[in-house]
Amino acid sequence: AGVLRLLALIFALVTTWMFIRTYISFSMKTIRLPRWLEGPASKEIRVVKSKCSLSKPCPKDYFAFKICSGAANVVGPSMCFENQMIMSPVKNNVGRGLNIALINGSVGTMLRHSYFDMYSGDPNELVKFLKEISGDMLVLVASYDDPGTKMNDEARKLFSNLGSSYAEQLGFRDSWVFLGTKDIKSKSPFEQFLKNDPKTNKYEGWPELLELEGCVPRKVY
């Protein structure tokens, strides 16, 4: 009798243990947390950054760009095109006045860049530079300190032919950023302008810096 009771007890313990194990296994499967809450992921999460840090990527056959004007006479302007910084204070290739970069509009490579002192420089140098722009080029412009004191009528007309809406009124210490191309049929959608006005200037003697970004279509011939 004693042996039978012992066997019955062992049987009951084994049965109970198997039941508990099965229940726990079933519970773990039914309340399993989503993978993103389980801990470190087995695969790396890659964050895709847009070219020139744009808010969203550009479509196919479009170029990404970002142009920032200078801040007063303290911080120089910068230009990014297709994720390449082409002009900036760090590259030491910007200067007071108008900073201009020319881009091959079909392949997106930089052709040349320069800056023109529009306070004490020769405006005819700017005119000569603008006249050499051909139809396959994209023109990026950023102001720094003073872009308009020595801007003459010929230069204003050439900028207007590139699609500018504000070149005609550009004056002393105005802020201006612009992207255009030669003989555009309508005004460029890529332009920002702020007039130097003591009532609205953000900096003492200068308006706020401007930032222009977007996607410009590739030129197809």
N, C-alpha and C. Protein backbone atom coordinates (compact mmCIF):
# COMPACT_ATOMS: atom_id res chain seq x y z
N ALA A 1 0.84 -1.20 0.00
CA ALA A 1 0.00 0.00 0.00
C ALA A 1 0.87 1.26 0.00
N GLY A 2 1.95 1.19 0.81
CA GLY A 2 2.85 2.35 0.88
C GLY A 2 3.52 2.63 -0.45
N VAL A 3 3.90 1.58 -1.14
CA VAL A 3 4.54 1.73 -2.45
C VAL A 3 3.57 2.35 -3.46
N LEU A 4 2.30 1.91 -3.41
CA LEU A 4 1.30 2.43 -4.32
C LEU A 4 1.05 3.92 -4.08
N ARG A 5 1.01 4.32 -2.80
CA ARG A 5 0.80 5.74 -2.50
C ARG A 5 1.98 6.59 -2.99
N LEU A 6 3.20 6.03 -2.86
CA LEU A 6 4.38 6.74 -3.33
C LEU A 6 4.36 6.92 -4.84
N LEU A 7 3.97 5.85 -5.54
CA LEU A 7 3.89 5.92 -7.00
C LEU A 7 2.82 6.92 -7.44
N ALA A 8 1.69 6.93 -6.72
CA ALA A 8 0.61 7.87 -7.04
C ALA A 8 1.08 9.31 -6.83
N LEU A 9 1.86 9.57 -5.78
CA LEU A 9 2.37 10.91 -5.51
C LEU A 9 3.34 11.35 -6.60
N ILE A 10 4.24 10.44 -6.99
CA ILE A 10 5.19 10.77 -8.05
C ILE A 10 4.47 11.07 -9.35
N PHE A 11 3.45 10.26 -9.65
CA PHE A 11 2.67 10.47 -10.87
C PHE A 11 1.99 11.85 -10.86
N ALA A 12 1.44 12.19 -9.70
CA ALA A 12 0.76 13.50 -9.59
C ALA A 12 1.75 14.64 -9.76
N LEU A 13 2.94 14.52 -9.17
CA LEU A 13 3.95 15.58 -9.30
C LEU A 13 4.41 15.74 -10.74
N VAL A 14 4.67 14.61 -11.42
CA VAL A 14 5.11 14.65 -12.81
C VAL A 14 4.04 15.28 -13.69
N THR A 15 2.78 14.90 -13.46
CA THR A 15 1.67 15.44 -14.25
C THR A 15 1.52 16.95 -14.04
N THR A 16 1.63 17.38 -12.80
CA THR A 16 1.52 18.82 -12.48
C THR A 16 2.66 19.60 -13.12
N TRP A 17 3.87 19.07 -13.05
CA TRP A 17 5.03 19.76 -13.64
C TRP A 17 4.88 19.92 -15.15
N MET A 18 4.40 18.87 -15.83
CA MET A 18 4.20 18.91 -17.28
C MET A 18 3.12 19.93 -17.65
N PHE A 19 2.08 20.02 -16.81
CA PHE A 19 1.00 20.96 -17.08
C PHE A 19 1.50 22.40 -16.94
N ILE A 20 2.26 22.64 -15.86
CA ILE A 20 2.79 24.00 -15.64
C ILE A 20 3.73 24.39 -16.77
N ARG A 21 4.59 23.49 -17.20
CA ARG A 21 5.54 23.78 -18.28
C ARG A 21 4.82 24.11 -19.58
N THR A 22 3.79 23.32 -19.89
CA THR A 22 3.01 23.56 -21.11
C THR A 22 2.30 24.89 -21.06
N TYR A 23 1.76 25.28 -19.90
CA TYR A 23 1.02 26.54 -19.73
C TYR A 23 1.94 27.75 -19.89
N ILE A 24 3.13 27.62 -19.25
CA ILE A 24 4.09 28.72 -19.35
C ILE A 24 4.55 28.92 -20.79
N SER A 25 4.84 27.83 -21.49
CA SER A 25 5.28 27.90 -22.88
C SER A 25 4.20 28.53 -23.75
N PHE A 26 2.94 28.15 -23.51
CA PHE A 26 1.83 28.69 -24.29
C PHE A 26 1.66 30.18 -24.02
N SER A 27 1.80 30.57 -22.74
CA SER A 27 1.65 31.98 -22.37
C SER A 27 2.72 32.84 -23.00
N MET A 28 3.96 32.35 -23.04
CA MET A 28 5.06 33.11 -23.62
C MET A 28 4.82 33.35 -25.10
N LYS A 29 4.20 32.37 -25.78
CA LYS A 29 3.95 32.53 -27.21
C LYS A 29 2.81 33.50 -27.47
N THR A 30 1.79 33.51 -26.59
CA THR A 30 0.62 34.33 -26.84
C THR A 30 0.81 35.78 -26.43
N ILE A 31 1.72 36.07 -25.49
CA ILE A 31 1.92 37.45 -25.06
C ILE A 31 3.29 37.97 -25.49
N ARG A 32 3.86 37.35 -26.49
CA ARG A 32 5.16 37.78 -26.98
C ARG A 32 5.10 39.23 -27.45
N LEU A 33 6.06 40.06 -27.02
CA LEU A 33 6.10 41.47 -27.36
C LEU A 33 6.51 41.66 -28.82
N PRO A 34 6.08 42.77 -29.41
CA PRO A 34 6.55 43.08 -30.77
C PRO A 34 8.07 43.15 -30.79
N ARG A 35 8.65 42.86 -31.91
CA ARG A 35 10.10 42.80 -32.01
C ARG A 35 10.77 44.11 -31.63
N TRP A 36 10.10 45.22 -31.96
CA TRP A 36 10.74 46.52 -31.68
C TRP A 36 10.73 46.85 -30.20
N LEU A 37 10.00 46.02 -29.37
CA LEU A 37 10.02 46.22 -27.92
C LEU A 37 10.81 45.15 -27.19
N GLU A 38 11.33 44.19 -27.92
CA GLU A 38 12.00 43.06 -27.28
C GLU A 38 13.43 43.37 -26.88
N GLY A 39 13.98 44.46 -27.34
CA GLY A 39 15.38 44.74 -27.02
C GLY A 39 16.12 45.14 -28.28
N PRO A 40 17.43 45.07 -28.24
CA PRO A 40 18.24 45.44 -29.41
C PRO A 40 17.87 44.65 -30.64
N ALA A 41 17.65 45.32 -31.73
CA ALA A 41 17.27 44.65 -32.97
C ALA A 41 18.45 43.88 -33.55
N SER A 42 18.10 42.80 -34.23
CA SER A 42 19.16 41.99 -34.83
C SER A 42 19.72 42.65 -36.08
N LYS A 43 18.92 43.54 -36.69
CA LYS A 43 19.37 44.23 -37.88
C LYS A 43 19.51 45.72 -37.59
N GLU A 44 20.51 46.35 -38.18
CA GLU A 44 20.73 47.77 -37.98
C GLU A 44 19.67 48.59 -38.71
N ILE A 45 19.20 49.65 -38.03
CA ILE A 45 18.24 50.57 -38.64
C ILE A 45 19.02 51.68 -39.31
N ARG A 46 18.90 51.81 -40.61
CA ARG A 46 19.64 52.81 -41.36
C ARG A 46 18.76 54.04 -41.61
N VAL A 47 19.25 55.19 -41.24
CA VAL A 47 18.56 56.44 -41.48
C VAL A 47 19.08 57.04 -42.78
N VAL A 48 18.19 57.18 -43.75
CA VAL A 48 18.58 57.71 -45.05
C VAL A 48 18.46 59.23 -45.02
N LYS A 49 19.57 59.92 -45.25
CA LYS A 49 19.58 61.37 -45.26
C LYS A 49 19.47 61.89 -46.68
N SER A 50 18.67 62.92 -46.85
CA SER A 50 18.52 63.52 -48.17
C SER A 50 19.76 64.36 -48.50
N LYS A 51 20.04 64.50 -49.78
CA LYS A 51 21.17 65.31 -50.21
C LYS A 51 21.00 66.75 -49.74
N CYS A 52 22.11 67.34 -49.31
CA CYS A 52 22.13 68.72 -48.79
C CYS A 52 21.20 68.91 -47.60
N SER A 53 20.85 67.78 -46.93
CA SER A 53 19.99 67.81 -45.74
C SER A 53 18.62 68.40 -46.02
N LEU A 54 18.09 68.17 -47.21
CA LEU A 54 16.75 68.62 -47.53
C LEU A 54 15.72 67.87 -46.70
N SER A 55 14.55 68.45 -46.53
CA SER A 55 13.51 67.82 -45.73
C SER A 55 13.00 66.52 -46.36
N LYS A 56 13.12 66.39 -47.69
CA LYS A 56 12.75 65.14 -48.36
C LYS A 56 13.60 64.98 -49.62
N PRO A 57 13.80 63.74 -50.07
CA PRO A 57 14.65 63.51 -51.25
C PRO A 57 14.03 64.10 -52.51
N CYS A 58 14.89 64.40 -53.47
CA CYS A 58 14.43 64.91 -54.76
C CYS A 58 14.05 63.75 -55.68
N PRO A 59 13.10 63.96 -56.58
CA PRO A 59 12.74 62.91 -57.54
C PRO A 59 13.89 62.63 -58.51
N LYS A 60 13.71 61.58 -59.26
CA LYS A 60 14.69 61.24 -60.29
C LYS A 60 14.78 62.37 -61.32
N ASP A 61 15.98 62.62 -61.80
CA ASP A 61 16.24 63.68 -62.79
C ASP A 61 16.06 65.08 -62.22
N TYR A 62 16.16 65.20 -60.90
CA TYR A 62 16.18 66.50 -60.24
C TYR A 62 17.43 66.61 -59.38
N PHE A 63 17.97 67.80 -59.28
CA PHE A 63 19.15 68.04 -58.45
C PHE A 63 18.75 68.72 -57.14
N ALA A 64 19.36 68.27 -56.04
CA ALA A 64 19.12 68.88 -54.73
C ALA A 64 20.08 70.04 -54.52
N PHE A 65 19.57 71.12 -53.93
CA PHE A 65 20.43 72.26 -53.65
C PHE A 65 19.98 72.98 -52.39
N LYS A 66 20.89 73.71 -51.78
CA LYS A 66 20.59 74.58 -50.64
C LYS A 66 21.54 75.77 -50.70
N ILE A 67 20.97 76.98 -50.63
CA ILE A 67 21.75 78.21 -50.67
C ILE A 67 21.43 79.03 -49.43
N CYS A 68 22.46 79.47 -48.72
CA CYS A 68 22.28 80.33 -47.55
C CYS A 68 23.03 81.63 -47.78
N SER A 69 22.37 82.75 -47.55
CA SER A 69 23.04 84.04 -47.67
C SER A 69 23.94 84.25 -46.46
N GLY A 70 24.75 85.28 -46.52
CA GLY A 70 25.58 85.61 -45.38
C GLY A 70 24.76 86.21 -44.25
N ALA A 71 25.29 86.16 -43.05
CA ALA A 71 24.65 86.76 -41.88
C ALA A 71 25.38 88.05 -41.55
N ALA A 72 24.74 89.20 -41.85
CA ALA A 72 25.36 90.52 -41.67
C ALA A 72 26.70 90.55 -42.40
N ASN A 73 27.75 91.03 -41.72
CA ASN A 73 29.10 90.98 -42.31
C ASN A 73 30.00 90.08 -41.48
N VAL A 74 29.37 89.10 -40.81
CA VAL A 74 30.08 88.23 -39.86
C VAL A 74 30.28 86.82 -40.40
N VAL A 75 29.19 86.19 -40.84
CA VAL A 75 29.25 84.81 -41.32
C VAL A 75 28.97 84.78 -42.82
N GLY A 76 29.88 84.19 -43.56
CA GLY A 76 29.73 84.14 -45.02
C GLY A 76 28.65 83.18 -45.48
N PRO A 77 28.26 83.25 -46.75
CA PRO A 77 27.23 82.39 -47.31
C PRO A 77 27.74 80.98 -47.58
N SER A 78 26.81 80.10 -47.93
CA SER A 78 27.18 78.73 -48.28
C SER A 78 26.25 78.21 -49.37
N MET A 79 26.79 77.28 -50.17
CA MET A 79 26.01 76.65 -51.24
C MET A 79 26.30 75.16 -51.27
N CYS A 80 25.24 74.37 -51.27
CA CYS A 80 25.35 72.92 -51.41
C CYS A 80 24.60 72.51 -52.67
N PHE A 81 25.22 71.63 -53.47
CA PHE A 81 24.58 71.14 -54.69
C PHE A 81 24.86 69.65 -54.82
N GLU A 82 23.79 68.86 -54.88
CA GLU A 82 23.91 67.40 -54.98
C GLU A 82 24.82 66.84 -53.88
N ASN A 83 24.63 67.35 -52.68
CA ASN A 83 25.34 66.89 -51.47
C ASN A 83 26.81 67.30 -51.43
N GLN A 84 27.21 68.21 -52.30
CA GLN A 84 28.57 68.71 -52.30
C GLN A 84 28.56 70.19 -51.89
N MET A 85 29.31 70.52 -50.85
CA MET A 85 29.44 71.92 -50.45
C MET A 85 30.39 72.59 -51.43
N ILE A 86 29.87 73.49 -52.27
CA ILE A 86 30.68 74.07 -53.33
C ILE A 86 31.23 75.44 -52.95
N MET A 87 30.54 76.17 -52.07
CA MET A 87 31.04 77.45 -51.57
C MET A 87 30.65 77.61 -50.10
N SER A 88 31.61 78.03 -49.27
CA SER A 88 31.33 78.19 -47.85
C SER A 88 32.51 78.88 -47.17
N PRO A 89 32.30 79.45 -45.97
CA PRO A 89 33.42 80.02 -45.23
C PRO A 89 34.49 78.99 -44.89
N VAL A 90 34.07 77.75 -44.66
CA VAL A 90 35.03 76.69 -44.33
C VAL A 90 35.96 76.42 -45.51
N LYS A 91 35.40 76.45 -46.73
CA LYS A 91 36.23 76.24 -47.93
C LYS A 91 37.03 77.49 -48.30
N ASN A 92 36.73 78.59 -47.60
CA ASN A 92 37.46 79.85 -47.82
C ASN A 92 37.39 80.32 -49.27
N ASN A 93 36.20 80.18 -49.87
CA ASN A 93 36.03 80.62 -51.26
C ASN A 93 34.82 81.54 -51.43
N VAL A 94 34.42 82.23 -50.35
CA VAL A 94 33.33 83.20 -50.42
C VAL A 94 33.87 84.58 -50.06
N GLY A 95 33.12 85.62 -50.43
CA GLY A 95 33.58 86.97 -50.13
C GLY A 95 32.43 87.95 -50.08
N ARG A 96 32.74 89.15 -49.66
CA ARG A 96 31.76 90.21 -49.54
C ARG A 96 31.17 90.57 -50.90
N GLY A 97 29.86 90.74 -50.97
CA GLY A 97 29.19 91.11 -52.21
C GLY A 97 28.30 90.01 -52.72
N LEU A 98 28.52 89.59 -53.97
CA LEU A 98 27.74 88.52 -54.60
C LEU A 98 28.62 87.30 -54.82
N ASN A 99 28.15 86.16 -54.34
CA ASN A 99 28.84 84.88 -54.51
C ASN A 99 28.05 84.07 -55.52
N ILE A 100 28.71 83.65 -56.59
CA ILE A 100 28.04 83.01 -57.72
C ILE A 100 28.74 81.71 -58.08
N ALA A 101 27.94 80.64 -58.26
CA ALA A 101 28.46 79.35 -58.72
C ALA A 101 27.72 78.95 -59.99
N LEU A 102 28.45 78.42 -60.96
CA LEU A 102 27.86 77.95 -62.22
C LEU A 102 27.94 76.42 -62.25
N ILE A 103 26.79 75.80 -62.55
CA ILE A 103 26.66 74.35 -62.54
C ILE A 103 26.27 73.86 -63.93
N ASN A 104 26.89 72.77 -64.36
CA ASN A 104 26.45 72.11 -65.60
C ASN A 104 25.04 71.54 -65.36
N GLY A 105 24.07 72.07 -66.07
CA GLY A 105 22.68 71.72 -65.79
C GLY A 105 22.27 70.33 -66.22
N SER A 106 23.07 69.65 -67.02
CA SER A 106 22.69 68.32 -67.47
C SER A 106 23.30 67.21 -66.62
N VAL A 107 24.49 67.45 -66.08
CA VAL A 107 25.14 66.40 -65.26
C VAL A 107 25.32 66.80 -63.80
N GLY A 108 25.12 68.08 -63.50
CA GLY A 108 25.15 68.50 -62.10
C GLY A 108 26.53 68.75 -61.52
N THR A 109 27.53 68.97 -62.35
CA THR A 109 28.87 69.24 -61.84
C THR A 109 29.16 70.74 -61.86
N MET A 110 29.97 71.20 -60.91
CA MET A 110 30.30 72.61 -60.85
C MET A 110 31.31 72.96 -61.92
N LEU A 111 31.08 74.07 -62.60
CA LEU A 111 31.98 74.54 -63.65
C LEU A 111 32.97 75.56 -63.11
N ARG A 112 32.45 76.57 -62.41
CA ARG A 112 33.33 77.55 -61.77
C ARG A 112 32.53 78.38 -60.77
N HIS A 113 33.24 79.11 -59.94
CA HIS A 113 32.58 79.97 -58.97
C HIS A 113 33.44 81.21 -58.75
N SER A 114 32.81 82.27 -58.24
CA SER A 114 33.53 83.50 -57.97
C SER A 114 32.69 84.39 -57.07
N TYR A 115 33.31 85.45 -56.53
CA TYR A 115 32.55 86.44 -55.78
C TYR A 115 32.99 87.83 -56.22
N PHE A 116 32.05 88.77 -56.12
CA PHE A 116 32.25 90.12 -56.64
C PHE A 116 31.91 91.14 -55.57
N ASP A 117 32.86 91.99 -55.27
CA ASP A 117 32.68 93.05 -54.28
C ASP A 117 31.78 94.13 -54.89
N MET A 118 30.56 94.24 -54.36
CA MET A 118 29.61 95.20 -54.92
C MET A 118 29.56 96.49 -54.12
N TYR A 119 30.54 96.69 -53.24
CA TYR A 119 30.63 97.94 -52.49
C TYR A 119 31.75 98.83 -53.00
N SER A 120 32.91 98.20 -53.23
CA SER A 120 34.05 98.99 -53.70
C SER A 120 34.72 98.41 -54.95
N GLY A 121 34.16 97.31 -55.46
CA GLY A 121 34.76 96.67 -56.63
C GLY A 121 34.28 97.26 -57.95
N ASP A 122 34.70 96.64 -59.04
CA ASP A 122 34.34 97.07 -60.39
C ASP A 122 33.13 96.28 -60.87
N PRO A 123 31.97 96.91 -61.06
CA PRO A 123 30.78 96.18 -61.50
C PRO A 123 30.92 95.59 -62.89
N ASN A 124 31.83 96.12 -63.70
CA ASN A 124 32.02 95.58 -65.04
C ASN A 124 32.56 94.15 -65.02
N GLU A 125 33.27 93.79 -63.95
CA GLU A 125 33.74 92.40 -63.82
C GLU A 125 32.57 91.45 -63.67
N LEU A 126 31.58 91.88 -62.89
CA LEU A 126 30.37 91.07 -62.75
C LEU A 126 29.64 90.95 -64.07
N VAL A 127 29.50 92.05 -64.79
CA VAL A 127 28.82 92.03 -66.08
C VAL A 127 29.51 91.07 -67.05
N LYS A 128 30.83 91.12 -67.10
CA LYS A 128 31.59 90.23 -67.97
C LYS A 128 31.35 88.77 -67.60
N PHE A 129 31.34 88.47 -66.32
CA PHE A 129 31.10 87.11 -65.85
C PHE A 129 29.70 86.63 -66.26
N LEU A 130 28.70 87.48 -66.09
CA LEU A 130 27.33 87.09 -66.40
C LEU A 130 27.12 86.90 -67.90
N LYS A 131 27.82 87.65 -68.70
CA LYS A 131 27.68 87.51 -70.16
C LYS A 131 28.25 86.20 -70.69
N GLU A 132 29.12 85.58 -69.92
CA GLU A 132 29.73 84.33 -70.35
C GLU A 132 28.89 83.10 -69.98
N ILE A 133 27.78 83.33 -69.31
CA ILE A 133 26.90 82.22 -68.91
C ILE A 133 26.15 81.71 -70.13
N SER A 134 26.18 80.40 -70.34
CA SER A 134 25.50 79.79 -71.48
C SER A 134 24.20 79.11 -71.03
N GLY A 135 23.41 78.69 -72.00
CA GLY A 135 22.09 78.15 -71.72
C GLY A 135 22.07 76.82 -71.00
N ASP A 136 23.19 76.11 -70.98
CA ASP A 136 23.21 74.81 -70.31
C ASP A 136 23.62 74.90 -68.84
N MET A 137 23.73 76.13 -68.33
CA MET A 137 24.22 76.32 -66.96
C MET A 137 23.09 76.69 -65.99
N LEU A 138 23.25 76.23 -64.75
CA LEU A 138 22.44 76.70 -63.64
C LEU A 138 23.28 77.71 -62.86
N VAL A 139 22.65 78.80 -62.43
CA VAL A 139 23.36 79.87 -61.74
C VAL A 139 22.86 79.99 -60.31
N LEU A 140 23.76 79.82 -59.34
CA LEU A 140 23.42 79.93 -57.93
C LEU A 140 24.05 81.22 -57.38
N VAL A 141 23.26 82.01 -56.65
CA VAL A 141 23.72 83.31 -56.16
C VAL A 141 23.38 83.45 -54.68
N ALA A 142 24.33 83.99 -53.91
CA ALA A 142 24.10 84.27 -52.49
C ALA A 142 24.76 85.60 -52.12
N SER A 143 24.03 86.45 -51.42
CA SER A 143 24.57 87.74 -51.01
C SER A 143 25.35 87.62 -49.71
N TYR A 144 26.25 88.59 -49.50
CA TYR A 144 27.00 88.66 -48.24
C TYR A 144 27.35 90.12 -47.98
N ASP A 145 26.88 90.64 -46.88
CA ASP A 145 27.12 92.02 -46.46
C ASP A 145 26.40 93.00 -47.37
N ASP A 146 26.98 93.35 -48.51
CA ASP A 146 26.36 94.34 -49.40
C ASP A 146 26.41 93.85 -50.85
N PRO A 147 25.25 93.45 -51.41
CA PRO A 147 25.25 92.94 -52.78
C PRO A 147 24.83 93.94 -53.84
N GLY A 148 24.43 95.18 -53.44
CA GLY A 148 23.78 96.00 -54.43
C GLY A 148 24.25 97.42 -54.64
N THR A 149 25.20 97.92 -53.84
CA THR A 149 25.57 99.32 -53.96
C THR A 149 26.08 99.67 -55.35
N LYS A 150 26.92 98.84 -55.93
CA LYS A 150 27.49 99.13 -57.25
C LYS A 150 26.86 98.29 -58.37
N MET A 151 25.71 97.70 -58.09
CA MET A 151 25.02 96.96 -59.14
C MET A 151 24.52 97.93 -60.20
N ASN A 152 24.97 97.78 -61.44
CA ASN A 152 24.53 98.70 -62.50
C ASN A 152 23.36 98.10 -63.28
N ASP A 153 22.80 98.91 -64.16
CA ASP A 153 21.60 98.50 -64.90
C ASP A 153 21.84 97.28 -65.78
N GLU A 154 23.03 97.20 -66.35
CA GLU A 154 23.33 96.06 -67.24
C GLU A 154 23.35 94.75 -66.45
N ALA A 155 23.96 94.78 -65.28
CA ALA A 155 24.00 93.57 -64.44
C ALA A 155 22.60 93.19 -63.98
N ARG A 156 21.79 94.17 -63.62
CA ARG A 156 20.42 93.88 -63.19
C ARG A 156 19.62 93.22 -64.31
N LYS A 157 19.79 93.72 -65.54
CA LYS A 157 19.09 93.14 -66.67
C LYS A 157 19.54 91.70 -66.93
N LEU A 158 20.83 91.44 -66.80
CA LEU A 158 21.35 90.08 -67.01
C LEU A 158 20.79 89.12 -65.97
N PHE A 159 20.71 89.56 -64.73
CA PHE A 159 20.11 88.72 -63.69
C PHE A 159 18.62 88.50 -63.96
N SER A 160 17.94 89.52 -64.45
CA SER A 160 16.52 89.37 -64.78
C SER A 160 16.33 88.35 -65.90
N ASN A 161 17.26 88.34 -66.86
CA ASN A 161 17.20 87.35 -67.94
C ASN A 161 17.45 85.93 -67.44
N LEU A 162 18.07 85.82 -66.28
CA LEU A 162 18.28 84.50 -65.65
C LEU A 162 17.07 84.07 -64.84
N GLY A 163 16.06 84.94 -64.75
CA GLY A 163 14.82 84.58 -64.05
C GLY A 163 14.60 85.30 -62.74
N SER A 164 15.44 86.27 -62.40
CA SER A 164 15.29 86.96 -61.12
C SER A 164 14.13 87.95 -61.14
N SER A 165 13.39 87.99 -60.04
CA SER A 165 12.31 88.96 -59.87
C SER A 165 12.74 90.17 -59.05
N TYR A 166 13.90 90.08 -58.39
CA TYR A 166 14.29 91.12 -57.43
C TYR A 166 15.58 91.84 -57.79
N ALA A 167 16.27 91.43 -58.84
CA ALA A 167 17.55 92.07 -59.18
C ALA A 167 17.39 93.56 -59.45
N GLU A 168 16.25 93.96 -59.99
CA GLU A 168 16.03 95.36 -60.32
C GLU A 168 15.99 96.25 -59.08
N GLN A 169 15.61 95.68 -57.92
CA GLN A 169 15.49 96.49 -56.71
C GLN A 169 16.57 96.19 -55.67
N LEU A 170 17.53 95.35 -56.02
CA LEU A 170 18.57 94.98 -55.07
C LEU A 170 19.41 96.20 -54.69
N GLY A 171 19.58 96.42 -53.38
CA GLY A 171 20.30 97.61 -52.93
C GLY A 171 21.23 97.34 -51.77
N PHE A 172 21.63 98.39 -51.11
CA PHE A 172 22.62 98.37 -50.03
C PHE A 172 22.21 97.43 -48.90
N ARG A 173 23.04 96.43 -48.65
CA ARG A 173 22.90 95.47 -47.55
C ARG A 173 21.61 94.66 -47.58
N ASP A 174 20.99 94.51 -48.73
CA ASP A 174 19.84 93.61 -48.84
C ASP A 174 20.32 92.16 -48.77
N SER A 175 19.41 91.26 -48.40
CA SER A 175 19.71 89.82 -48.41
C SER A 175 19.05 89.19 -49.64
N TRP A 176 19.81 88.32 -50.32
CA TRP A 176 19.31 87.76 -51.59
C TRP A 176 19.92 86.39 -51.84
N VAL A 177 19.07 85.43 -52.18
CA VAL A 177 19.51 84.10 -52.64
C VAL A 177 18.68 83.75 -53.87
N PHE A 178 19.34 83.08 -54.83
CA PHE A 178 18.69 82.92 -56.13
C PHE A 178 19.29 81.75 -56.89
N LEU A 179 18.45 81.02 -57.62
CA LEU A 179 18.90 80.02 -58.58
C LEU A 179 18.14 80.25 -59.87
N GLY A 180 18.90 80.41 -60.98
CA GLY A 180 18.25 80.66 -62.26
C GLY A 180 19.01 80.03 -63.41
N THR A 181 18.54 80.30 -64.60
CA THR A 181 19.20 79.80 -65.80
C THR A 181 18.94 80.78 -66.95
N LYS A 182 19.77 80.74 -67.97
CA LYS A 182 19.70 81.74 -69.03
C LYS A 182 18.43 81.59 -69.88
N ASP A 183 17.88 82.72 -70.26
CA ASP A 183 16.72 82.79 -71.18
C ASP A 183 15.54 81.95 -70.67
N ILE A 184 15.32 81.97 -69.36
CA ILE A 184 14.18 81.25 -68.80
C ILE A 184 12.89 81.91 -69.29
N LYS A 185 11.88 81.11 -69.58
CA LYS A 185 10.65 81.64 -70.17
C LYS A 185 9.80 82.40 -69.15
N SER A 186 9.91 82.02 -67.88
CA SER A 186 9.17 82.71 -66.82
C SER A 186 10.14 82.98 -65.67
N LYS A 187 9.67 83.64 -64.63
CA LYS A 187 10.52 83.94 -63.50
C LYS A 187 10.86 82.67 -62.72
N SER A 188 12.06 82.62 -62.19
CA SER A 188 12.50 81.45 -61.43
C SER A 188 11.70 81.31 -60.13
N PRO A 189 11.30 80.08 -59.79
CA PRO A 189 10.61 79.86 -58.52
C PRO A 189 11.58 79.79 -57.34
N PHE A 190 12.87 79.84 -57.64
CA PHE A 190 13.88 79.67 -56.60
C PHE A 190 14.56 81.02 -56.30
N GLU A 191 13.93 81.81 -55.46
CA GLU A 191 14.48 83.12 -55.12
C GLU A 191 13.87 83.63 -53.82
N GLN A 192 14.70 84.26 -52.99
CA GLN A 192 14.23 84.92 -51.79
C GLN A 192 14.97 86.26 -51.65
N PHE A 193 14.25 87.23 -51.09
CA PHE A 193 14.79 88.58 -51.01
C PHE A 193 14.27 89.27 -49.75
N LEU A 194 15.16 90.00 -49.05
CA LEU A 194 14.77 90.81 -47.90
C LEU A 194 15.42 92.18 -48.02
N LYS A 195 14.62 93.20 -47.92
CA LYS A 195 15.11 94.57 -48.01
C LYS A 195 15.76 95.00 -46.70
N ASN A 196 16.85 95.74 -46.81
CA ASN A 196 17.49 96.33 -45.65
C ASN A 196 16.58 97.44 -45.11
N ASP A 197 16.00 97.20 -43.93
CA ASP A 197 15.05 98.14 -43.34
C ASP A 197 15.28 98.18 -41.83
N PRO A 198 15.67 99.32 -41.27
CA PRO A 198 15.93 99.42 -39.83
C PRO A 198 14.74 98.97 -38.97
N LYS A 199 13.52 99.07 -39.52
CA LYS A 199 12.34 98.68 -38.75
C LYS A 199 12.18 97.17 -38.64
N THR A 200 12.70 96.44 -39.60
CA THR A 200 12.50 94.99 -39.62
C THR A 200 13.79 94.19 -39.57
N ASN A 201 14.95 94.84 -39.65
CA ASN A 201 16.23 94.11 -39.65
C ASN A 201 16.37 93.26 -38.39
N LYS A 202 16.87 92.03 -38.60
CA LYS A 202 17.13 91.15 -37.46
C LYS A 202 18.46 91.50 -36.80
N TYR A 203 19.45 91.83 -37.63
CA TYR A 203 20.75 92.23 -37.13
C TYR A 203 20.86 93.75 -37.22
N GLU A 204 21.70 94.35 -36.44
CA GLU A 204 21.87 95.79 -36.46
C GLU A 204 22.50 96.23 -37.79
N GLY A 205 21.67 96.80 -38.66
CA GLY A 205 22.15 97.26 -39.95
C GLY A 205 21.99 96.28 -41.09
N TRP A 206 21.51 95.05 -40.80
CA TRP A 206 21.33 94.03 -41.86
C TRP A 206 20.04 93.25 -41.62
N PRO A 207 19.39 92.83 -42.69
CA PRO A 207 18.23 91.93 -42.53
C PRO A 207 18.67 90.51 -42.19
N GLU A 208 17.71 89.66 -41.92
CA GLU A 208 17.97 88.27 -41.56
C GLU A 208 18.61 87.51 -42.72
N LEU A 209 19.42 86.52 -42.39
CA LEU A 209 19.97 85.67 -43.45
C LEU A 209 18.84 84.86 -44.07
N LEU A 210 19.03 84.44 -45.30
CA LEU A 210 18.02 83.69 -46.04
C LEU A 210 18.54 82.29 -46.36
N GLU A 211 17.61 81.34 -46.39
CA GLU A 211 17.95 79.97 -46.74
C GLU A 211 16.97 79.48 -47.79
N LEU A 212 17.51 79.03 -48.90
CA LEU A 212 16.70 78.57 -50.02
C LEU A 212 17.11 77.14 -50.36
N GLU A 213 16.15 76.24 -50.40
CA GLU A 213 16.44 74.85 -50.75
C GLU A 213 15.36 74.31 -51.67
N GLY A 214 15.71 73.26 -52.41
CA GLY A 214 14.72 72.68 -53.30
C GLY A 214 15.31 71.67 -54.25
N CYS A 215 14.50 71.32 -55.25
CA CYS A 215 14.88 70.35 -56.28
C CYS A 215 14.71 71.01 -57.64
N VAL A 216 15.79 71.11 -58.38
CA VAL A 216 15.74 71.76 -59.69
C VAL A 216 15.87 70.69 -60.77
N PRO A 217 15.04 70.74 -61.81
CA PRO A 217 15.07 69.68 -62.83
C PRO A 217 16.36 69.70 -63.64
N ARG A 218 16.79 68.51 -63.99
CA ARG A 218 17.97 68.36 -64.86
C ARG A 218 17.66 68.91 -66.25
N LYS A 219 18.62 69.58 -66.83
CA LYS A 219 18.44 70.09 -68.20
C LYS A 219 18.64 68.95 -69.19
N VAL A 220 17.69 68.74 -70.05
CA VAL A 220 17.75 67.66 -71.07
C VAL A 220 17.80 68.30 -72.44
N TYR A 221 18.75 67.84 -73.28
CA TYR A 221 18.91 68.42 -74.61
C TYR A 221 18.70 67.35 -75.67
